[in-house]
Amino acid sequence: MTEPTTSDLPTGVVQAGEWSGVGNEFTGVQFRKVWTRNGERLEIVVPRTGQRILLDAMALEAIAGQAPEFFTRMIAVGLGAADE
């Protein structure tokens, strides 16, 4: 897994913490805490695809409140394994 560089700050990010990551046999992600002019965010990057997102505390709270079945369905749809 190639780790994004700290000099590669997304637009609007003024400071970034250290990278950490999690992975399994299917994928891996890198994440770090970043600071923007509008507050703290969690930056999540998928090195394999280059996809990236910044999530604030409200978005993370909404994610944490989901049942595991929500993610099972979301993953199935993303992989094209679910009936639309």
PDB file of N, CA and C in Angstrom:
ATOM      1  N   MET A   1       0.849  -1.169   0.000  1.00  0.00           N
ATOM      2  CA  MET A   1       0.000   0.000   0.000  1.00  0.00           C
ATOM      3  C   MET A   1       0.898   1.236   0.000  1.00  0.00           C
ATOM      4  N   THR A   2       0.713   2.097  -0.987  1.00  0.00           N
ATOM      5  CA  THR A   2       1.490   3.323  -1.060  1.00  0.00           C
ATOM      6  C   THR A   2       0.862   4.376  -0.168  1.00  0.00           C
ATOM      7  N   GLU A   3       1.650   4.951   0.719  1.00  0.00           N
ATOM      8  CA  GLU A   3       1.133   5.943   1.660  1.00  0.00           C
ATOM      9  C   GLU A   3       1.151   7.326   1.033  1.00  0.00           C
ATOM     10  N   PRO A   4       0.012   8.052   1.075  1.00  0.00           N
ATOM     11  CA  PRO A   4       0.009   9.434   0.576  1.00  0.00           C
ATOM     12  C   PRO A   4       1.013  10.272   1.358  1.00  0.00           C
ATOM     13  N   THR A   5       1.560  11.279   0.727  1.00  0.00           N
ATOM     14  CA  THR A   5       2.554  12.119   1.387  1.00  0.00           C
ATOM     15  C   THR A   5       1.881  13.241   2.160  1.00  0.00           C
ATOM     16  N   THR A   6       2.542  13.709   3.214  1.00  0.00           N
ATOM     17  CA  THR A   6       1.985  14.793   4.014  1.00  0.00           C
ATOM     18  C   THR A   6       2.017  16.110   3.261  1.00  0.00           C
ATOM     19  N   SER A   7       2.878  16.228   2.241  1.00  0.00           N
ATOM     20  CA  SER A   7       2.924  17.467   1.468  1.00  0.00           C
ATOM     21  C   SER A   7       1.758  17.558   0.483  1.00  0.00           C
ATOM     22  N   ASP A   8       1.031  16.467   0.310  1.00  0.00           N
ATOM     23  CA  ASP A   8      -0.099  16.422  -0.614  1.00  0.00           C
ATOM     24  C   ASP A   8      -1.391  16.752   0.134  1.00  0.00           C
ATOM     25  N   LEU A   9      -1.487  17.997   0.638  1.00  0.00           N
ATOM     26  CA  LEU A   9      -2.670  18.390   1.403  1.00  0.00           C
ATOM     27  C   LEU A   9      -3.820  18.732   0.473  1.00  0.00           C
ATOM     28  N   PRO A  10      -5.019  18.220   0.771  1.00  0.00           N
ATOM     29  CA  PRO A  10      -6.195  18.577  -0.026  1.00  0.00           C
ATOM     30  C   PRO A  10      -6.487  20.072   0.076  1.00  0.00           C
ATOM     31  N   THR A  11      -7.202  20.596  -0.878  1.00  0.00           N
ATOM     32  CA  THR A  11      -7.606  21.999  -0.869  1.00  0.00           C
ATOM     33  C   THR A  11      -8.331  22.316   0.429  1.00  0.00           C
ATOM     34  N   GLY A  12      -7.919  23.397   1.082  1.00  0.00           N
ATOM     35  CA  GLY A  12      -8.563  23.833   2.304  1.00  0.00           C
ATOM     36  C   GLY A  12      -7.960  23.284   3.576  1.00  0.00           C
ATOM     37  N   VAL A  13      -7.085  22.282   3.468  1.00  0.00           N
ATOM     38  CA  VAL A  13      -6.446  21.709   4.653  1.00  0.00           C
ATOM     39  C   VAL A  13      -5.201  22.524   4.975  1.00  0.00           C
ATOM     40  N   VAL A  14      -5.103  22.966   6.226  1.00  0.00           N
ATOM     41  CA  VAL A  14      -3.971  23.800   6.626  1.00  0.00           C
ATOM     42  C   VAL A  14      -2.925  23.038   7.431  1.00  0.00           C
ATOM     43  N   GLN A  15      -3.315  21.908   8.021  1.00  0.00           N
ATOM     44  CA  GLN A  15      -2.385  21.096   8.801  1.00  0.00           C
ATOM     45  C   GLN A  15      -2.899  19.663   8.807  1.00  0.00           C
ATOM     46  N   ALA A  16      -1.978  18.703   8.900  1.00  0.00           N
ATOM     47  CA  ALA A  16      -2.382  17.299   8.893  1.00  0.00           C
ATOM     48  C   ALA A  16      -1.581  16.512   9.916  1.00  0.00           C
ATOM     49  N   GLY A  17      -2.230  15.539  10.529  1.00  0.00           N
ATOM     50  CA  GLY A  17      -1.575  14.638  11.463  1.00  0.00           C
ATOM     51  C   GLY A  17      -0.888  13.498  10.727  1.00  0.00           C
ATOM     52  N   GLU A  18      -0.411  12.540  11.489  1.00  0.00           N
ATOM     53  CA  GLU A  18       0.277  11.371  10.933  1.00  0.00           C
ATOM     54  C   GLU A  18      -0.731  10.396  10.331  1.00  0.00           C
ATOM     55  N   TRP A  19      -0.304   9.721   9.283  1.00  0.00           N
ATOM     56  CA  TRP A  19      -1.135   8.705   8.645  1.00  0.00           C
ATOM     57  C   TRP A  19      -1.167   7.439   9.489  1.00  0.00           C
ATOM     58  N   SER A  20      -2.304   6.764   9.457  1.00  0.00           N
ATOM     59  CA  SER A  20      -2.462   5.435  10.002  1.00  0.00           C
ATOM     60  C   SER A  20      -3.277   4.666   8.968  1.00  0.00           C
ATOM     61  N   GLY A  21      -3.492   3.402   9.178  1.00  0.00           N
ATOM     62  CA  GLY A  21      -4.244   2.664   8.182  1.00  0.00           C
ATOM     63  C   GLY A  21      -4.782   1.349   8.696  1.00  0.00           C
ATOM     64  N   VAL A  22      -5.725   0.820   7.938  1.00  0.00           N
ATOM     65  CA  VAL A  22      -6.269  -0.513   8.184  1.00  0.00           C
ATOM     66  C   VAL A  22      -6.447  -1.187   6.828  1.00  0.00           C
ATOM     67  N   GLY A  23      -6.381  -2.499   6.841  1.00  0.00           N
ATOM     68  CA  GLY A  23      -6.554  -3.229   5.599  1.00  0.00           C
ATOM     69  C   GLY A  23      -6.860  -4.686   5.863  1.00  0.00           C
ATOM     70  N   ASN A  24      -7.264  -5.350   4.815  1.00  0.00           N
ATOM     71  CA  ASN A  24      -7.472  -6.796   4.858  1.00  0.00           C
ATOM     72  C   ASN A  24      -7.094  -7.359   3.492  1.00  0.00           C
ATOM     73  N   GLU A  25      -7.504  -8.574   3.203  1.00  0.00           N
ATOM     74  CA  GLU A  25      -7.116  -9.186   1.936  1.00  0.00           C
ATOM     75  C   GLU A  25      -7.812  -8.561   0.725  1.00  0.00           C
ATOM     76  N   PHE A  26      -8.826  -7.719   0.946  1.00  0.00           N
ATOM     77  CA  PHE A  26      -9.584  -7.128  -0.144  1.00  0.00           C
ATOM     78  C   PHE A  26      -9.210  -5.680  -0.443  1.00  0.00           C
ATOM     79  N   THR A  27      -8.860  -4.924   0.582  1.00  0.00           N
ATOM     80  CA  THR A  27      -8.579  -3.499   0.390  1.00  0.00           C
ATOM     81  C   THR A  27      -7.798  -2.947   1.574  1.00  0.00           C
ATOM     82  N   GLY A  28      -7.417  -1.715   1.457  1.00  0.00           N
ATOM     83  CA  GLY A  28      -6.762  -1.017   2.549  1.00  0.00           C
ATOM     84  C   GLY A  28      -7.055   0.469   2.445  1.00  0.00           C
ATOM     85  N   VAL A  29      -7.094   1.142   3.578  1.00  0.00           N
ATOM     86  CA  VAL A  29      -7.314   2.581   3.595  1.00  0.00           C
ATOM     87  C   VAL A  29      -6.311   3.227   4.533  1.00  0.00           C
ATOM     88  N   GLN A  30      -5.989   4.463   4.238  1.00  0.00           N
ATOM     89  CA  GLN A  30      -5.151   5.292   5.091  1.00  0.00           C
ATOM     90  C   GLN A  30      -6.045   6.400   5.647  1.00  0.00           C
ATOM     91  N   PHE A  31      -5.780   6.848   6.863  1.00  0.00           N
ATOM     92  CA  PHE A  31      -6.573   7.932   7.436  1.00  0.00           C
ATOM     93  C   PHE A  31      -5.692   8.784   8.334  1.00  0.00           C
ATOM     94  N   ARG A  32      -6.108  10.033   8.502  1.00  0.00           N
ATOM     95  CA  ARG A  32      -5.413  10.968   9.386  1.00  0.00           C
ATOM     96  C   ARG A  32      -6.368  12.089   9.765  1.00  0.00           C
ATOM     97  N   LYS A  33      -6.059  12.725  10.877  1.00  0.00           N
ATOM     98  CA  LYS A  33      -6.808  13.908  11.307  1.00  0.00           C
ATOM     99  C   LYS A  33      -6.199  15.113  10.597  1.00  0.00           C
ATOM    100  N   VAL A  34      -7.065  15.974  10.053  1.00  0.00           N
ATOM    101  CA  VAL A  34      -6.602  17.193   9.396  1.00  0.00           C
ATOM    102  C   VAL A  34      -7.346  18.387   9.968  1.00  0.00           C
ATOM    103  N   TRP A  35      -6.751  19.550   9.815  1.00  0.00           N
ATOM    104  CA  TRP A  35      -7.348  20.788  10.282  1.00  0.00           C
ATOM    105  C   TRP A  35      -7.592  21.677   9.084  1.00  0.00           C
ATOM    106  N   THR A  36      -8.805  22.224   8.999  1.00  0.00           N
ATOM    107  CA  THR A  36      -9.169  23.158   7.936  1.00  0.00           C
ATOM    108  C   THR A  36      -9.546  24.486   8.591  1.00  0.00           C
ATOM    109  N   ARG A  37      -9.814  25.467   7.765  1.00  0.00           N
ATOM    110  CA  ARG A  37     -10.276  26.750   8.308  1.00  0.00           C
ATOM    111  C   ARG A  37     -11.639  26.608   8.983  1.00  0.00           C
ATOM    112  N   ASN A  38     -12.355  25.532   8.661  1.00  0.00           N
ATOM    113  CA  ASN A  38     -13.691  25.302   9.225  1.00  0.00           C
ATOM    114  C   ASN A  38     -13.710  24.217  10.294  1.00  0.00           C
ATOM    115  N   GLY A  39     -12.548  23.834  10.801  1.00  0.00           N
ATOM    116  CA  GLY A  39     -12.506  22.850  11.879  1.00  0.00           C
ATOM    117  C   GLY A  39     -11.791  21.570  11.506  1.00  0.00           C
ATOM    118  N   GLU A  40     -11.870  20.604  12.421  1.00  0.00           N
ATOM    119  CA  GLU A  40     -11.188  19.331  12.267  1.00  0.00           C
ATOM    120  C   GLU A  40     -11.991  18.391  11.376  1.00  0.00           C
ATOM    121  N   ARG A  41     -11.256  17.540  10.663  1.00  0.00           N
ATOM    122  CA  ARG A  41     -11.871  16.538   9.792  1.00  0.00           C
ATOM    123  C   ARG A  41     -11.062  15.246   9.888  1.00  0.00           C
ATOM    124  N   LEU A  42     -11.666  14.151   9.489  1.00  0.00           N
ATOM    125  CA  LEU A  42     -10.963  12.900   9.289  1.00  0.00           C
ATOM    126  C   LEU A  42     -10.819  12.723   7.783  1.00  0.00           C
ATOM    127  N   GLU A  43      -9.586  12.613   7.309  1.00  0.00           N
ATOM    128  CA  GLU A  43      -9.342  12.373   5.888  1.00  0.00           C
ATOM    129  C   GLU A  43      -9.124  10.879   5.701  1.00  0.00           C
ATOM    130  N   ILE A  44      -9.843  10.299   4.766  1.00  0.00           N
ATOM    131  CA  ILE A  44      -9.725   8.873   4.458  1.00  0.00           C
ATOM    132  C   ILE A  44      -9.351   8.756   2.984  1.00  0.00           C
ATOM    133  N   VAL A  45      -8.311   7.946   2.714  1.00  0.00           N
ATOM    134  CA  VAL A  45      -7.808   7.773   1.349  1.00  0.00           C
ATOM    135  C   VAL A  45      -7.720   6.281   1.033  1.00  0.00           C
ATOM    136  N   VAL A  46      -8.147   5.916  -0.177  1.00  0.00           N
ATOM    137  CA  VAL A  46      -7.958   4.562  -0.689  1.00  0.00           C
ATOM    138  C   VAL A  46      -6.785   4.631  -1.665  1.00  0.00           C
ATOM    139  N   PRO A  47      -5.589   4.235  -1.244  1.00  0.00           N
ATOM    140  CA  PRO A  47      -4.422   4.385  -2.110  1.00  0.00           C
ATOM    141  C   PRO A  47      -4.550   3.673  -3.461  1.00  0.00           C
ATOM    142  N   ARG A  48      -5.209   2.534  -3.487  1.00  0.00           N
ATOM    143  CA  ARG A  48      -5.342   1.758  -4.723  1.00  0.00           C
ATOM    144  C   ARG A  48      -6.077   2.529  -5.810  1.00  0.00           C
ATOM    145  N   THR A  49      -7.089   3.311  -5.422  1.00  0.00           N
ATOM    146  CA  THR A  49      -7.917   4.026  -6.398  1.00  0.00           C
ATOM    147  C   THR A  49      -7.703   5.531  -6.392  1.00  0.00           C
ATOM    148  N   GLY A  50      -7.087   6.041  -5.324  1.00  0.00           N
ATOM    149  CA  GLY A  50      -6.911   7.482  -5.194  1.00  0.00           C
ATOM    150  C   GLY A  50      -8.138   8.197  -4.659  1.00  0.00           C
ATOM    151  N   GLN A  51      -9.197   7.461  -4.337  1.00  0.00           N
ATOM    152  CA  GLN A  51     -10.393   8.089  -3.781  1.00  0.00           C
ATOM    153  C   GLN A  51     -10.073   8.660  -2.409  1.00  0.00           C
ATOM    154  N   ARG A  52     -10.676   9.820  -2.101  1.00  0.00           N
ATOM    155  CA  ARG A  52     -10.393  10.509  -0.847  1.00  0.00           C
ATOM    156  C   ARG A  52     -11.647  11.241  -0.392  1.00  0.00           C
ATOM    157  N   ILE A  53     -11.811  11.338   0.936  1.00  0.00           N
ATOM    158  CA  ILE A  53     -12.938  12.076   1.488  1.00  0.00           C
ATOM    159  C   ILE A  53     -12.516  12.718   2.809  1.00  0.00           C
ATOM    160  N   LEU A  54     -13.093  13.873   3.083  1.00  0.00           N
ATOM    161  CA  LEU A  54     -12.919  14.546   4.373  1.00  0.00           C
ATOM    162  C   LEU A  54     -14.270  14.509   5.088  1.00  0.00           C
ATOM    163  N   LEU A  55     -14.291  13.994   6.317  1.00  0.00           N
ATOM    164  CA  LEU A  55     -15.530  13.885   7.079  1.00  0.00           C
ATOM    165  C   LEU A  55     -15.428  14.676   8.370  1.00  0.00           C
ATOM    166  N   ASP A  56     -16.458  15.478   8.650  1.00  0.00           N
ATOM    167  CA  ASP A  56     -16.481  16.224   9.909  1.00  0.00           C
ATOM    168  C   ASP A  56     -17.159  15.381  10.988  1.00  0.00           C
ATOM    169  N   ALA A  57     -17.241  15.921  12.191  1.00  0.00           N
ATOM    170  CA  ALA A  57     -17.796  15.176  13.324  1.00  0.00           C
ATOM    171  C   ALA A  57     -19.251  14.769  13.090  1.00  0.00           C
ATOM    172  N   MET A  58     -20.039  15.628  12.459  1.00  0.00           N
ATOM    173  CA  MET A  58     -21.449  15.283  12.212  1.00  0.00           C
ATOM    174  C   MET A  58     -21.567  14.108  11.248  1.00  0.00           C
ATOM    175  N   ALA A  59     -20.750  14.074  10.201  1.00  0.00           N
ATOM    176  CA  ALA A  59     -20.774  12.960   9.254  1.00  0.00           C
ATOM    177  C   ALA A  59     -20.343  11.663   9.942  1.00  0.00           C
ATOM    178  N   LEU A  60     -19.312  11.749  10.788  1.00  0.00           N
ATOM    179  CA  LEU A  60     -18.846  10.560  11.502  1.00  0.00           C
ATOM    180  C   LEU A  60     -19.893  10.053  12.493  1.00  0.00           C
ATOM    181  N   GLU A  61     -20.602  10.981  13.135  1.00  0.00           N
ATOM    182  CA  GLU A  61     -21.673  10.569  14.044  1.00  0.00           C
ATOM    183  C   GLU A  61     -22.777   9.839  13.280  1.00  0.00           C
ATOM    184  N   ALA A  62     -23.122  10.346  12.102  1.00  0.00           N
ATOM    185  CA  ALA A  62     -24.153   9.698  11.286  1.00  0.00           C
ATOM    186  C   ALA A  62     -23.718   8.295  10.863  1.00  0.00           C
ATOM    187  N   ILE A  63     -22.445   8.138  10.519  1.00  0.00           N
ATOM    188  CA  ILE A  63     -21.925   6.819  10.142  1.00  0.00           C
ATOM    189  C   ILE A  63     -21.966   5.875  11.335  1.00  0.00           C
ATOM    190  N   ALA A  64     -21.539   6.370  12.504  1.00  0.00           N
ATOM    191  CA  ALA A  64     -21.489   5.529  13.701  1.00  0.00           C
ATOM    192  C   ALA A  64     -22.869   5.051  14.126  1.00  0.00           C
ATOM    193  N   GLY A  65     -23.915   5.767  13.756  1.00  0.00           N
ATOM    194  CA  GLY A  65     -25.268   5.399  14.141  1.00  0.00           C
ATOM    195  C   GLY A  65     -25.924   4.375  13.232  1.00  0.00           C
ATOM    196  N   GLN A  66     -25.224   3.925  12.206  1.00  0.00           N
ATOM    197  CA  GLN A  66     -25.817   2.979  11.261  1.00  0.00           C
ATOM    198  C   GLN A  66     -25.696   1.540  11.763  1.00  0.00           C
ATOM    199  N   ALA A  67     -26.693   0.748  11.424  1.00  0.00           N
ATOM    200  CA  ALA A  67     -26.643  -0.685  11.728  1.00  0.00           C
ATOM    201  C   ALA A  67     -25.685  -1.367  10.752  1.00  0.00           C
ATOM    202  N   PRO A  68     -25.058  -2.462  11.145  1.00  0.00           N
ATOM    203  CA  PRO A  68     -24.147  -3.174  10.247  1.00  0.00           C
ATOM    204  C   PRO A  68     -24.783  -3.549   8.907  1.00  0.00           C
ATOM    205  N   GLU A  69     -26.079  -3.800   8.893  1.00  0.00           N
ATOM    206  CA  GLU A  69     -26.768  -4.168   7.659  1.00  0.00           C
ATOM    207  C   GLU A  69     -26.722  -3.036   6.625  1.00  0.00           C
ATOM    208  N   PHE A  70     -26.686  -1.794   7.087  1.00  0.00           N
ATOM    209  CA  PHE A  70     -26.570  -0.647   6.184  1.00  0.00           C
ATOM    210  C   PHE A  70     -25.299  -0.766   5.346  1.00  0.00           C
ATOM    211  N   PHE A  71     -24.188  -1.119   5.999  1.00  0.00           N
ATOM    212  CA  PHE A  71     -22.913  -1.228   5.298  1.00  0.00           C
ATOM    213  C   PHE A  71     -22.868  -2.463   4.404  1.00  0.00           C
ATOM    214  N   THR A  72     -23.489  -3.553   4.845  1.00  0.00           N
ATOM    215  CA  THR A  72     -23.566  -4.752   4.012  1.00  0.00           C
ATOM    216  C   THR A  72     -24.264  -4.428   2.703  1.00  0.00           C
ATOM    217  N   ARG A  73     -25.376  -3.719   2.771  1.00  0.00           N
ATOM    218  CA  ARG A  73     -26.137  -3.335   1.574  1.00  0.00           C
ATOM    219  C   ARG A  73     -25.327  -2.362   0.714  1.00  0.00           C
ATOM    220  N   MET A  74     -24.684  -1.375   1.345  1.00  0.00           N
ATOM    221  CA  MET A  74     -23.906  -0.385   0.607  1.00  0.00           C
ATOM    222  C   MET A  74     -22.764  -1.056  -0.152  1.00  0.00           C
ATOM    223  N   ILE A  75     -22.083  -1.995   0.476  1.00  0.00           N
ATOM    224  CA  ILE A  75     -20.987  -2.702  -0.177  1.00  0.00           C
ATOM    225  C   ILE A  75     -21.507  -3.564  -1.318  1.00  0.00           C
ATOM    226  N   ALA A  76     -22.616  -4.235  -1.098  1.00  0.00           N
ATOM    227  CA  ALA A  76     -23.198  -5.082  -2.147  1.00  0.00           C
ATOM    228  C   ALA A  76     -23.582  -4.249  -3.371  1.00  0.00           C
ATOM    229  N   VAL A  77     -24.190  -3.091  -3.155  1.00  0.00           N
ATOM    230  CA  VAL A  77     -24.561  -2.207  -4.270  1.00  0.00           C
ATOM    231  C   VAL A  77     -23.312  -1.724  -4.984  1.00  0.00           C
ATOM    232  N   GLY A  78     -22.284  -1.325  -4.227  1.00  0.00           N
ATOM    233  CA  GLY A  78     -21.045  -0.842  -4.827  1.00  0.00           C
ATOM    234  C   GLY A  78     -20.340  -1.879  -5.674  1.00  0.00           C
ATOM    235  N   LEU A  79     -20.482  -3.155  -5.305  1.00  0.00           N
ATOM    236  CA  LEU A  79     -19.856  -4.227  -6.061  1.00  0.00           C
ATOM    237  C   LEU A  79     -20.760  -4.775  -7.149  1.00  0.00           C
ATOM    238  N   GLY A  80     -21.965  -4.240  -7.240  1.00  0.00           N
ATOM    239  CA  GLY A  80     -22.898  -4.711  -8.262  1.00  0.00           C
ATOM    240  C   GLY A  80     -23.531  -6.044  -7.918  1.00  0.00           C
ATOM    241  N   ALA A  81     -23.485  -6.437  -6.645  1.00  0.00           N
ATOM    242  CA  ALA A  81     -24.019  -7.728  -6.229  1.00  0.00           C
ATOM    243  C   ALA A  81     -25.450  -7.636  -5.699  1.00  0.00           C
ATOM    244  N   ALA A  82     -26.012  -6.442  -5.629  1.00  0.00           N
ATOM    245  CA  ALA A  82     -27.360  -6.276  -5.072  1.00  0.00           C
ATOM    246  C   ALA A  82     -28.347  -5.975  -6.191  1.00  0.00           C
ATOM    247  N   ASP A  83     -29.569  -6.437  -5.982  1.00  0.00           N
ATOM    248  CA  ASP A  83     -30.649  -6.081  -6.921  1.00  0.00           C
ATOM    249  C   ASP A  83     -31.040  -4.648  -6.654  1.00  0.00           C
ATOM    250  N   GLU A  84     -31.040  -3.823  -7.668  1.00  0.00           N
ATOM    251  CA  GLU A  84     -31.359  -2.394  -7.504  1.00  0.00           C
ATOM    252  C   GLU A  84     -32.847  -2.194  -7.377  1.00  0.00           C
TER     253      GLU A  84
END
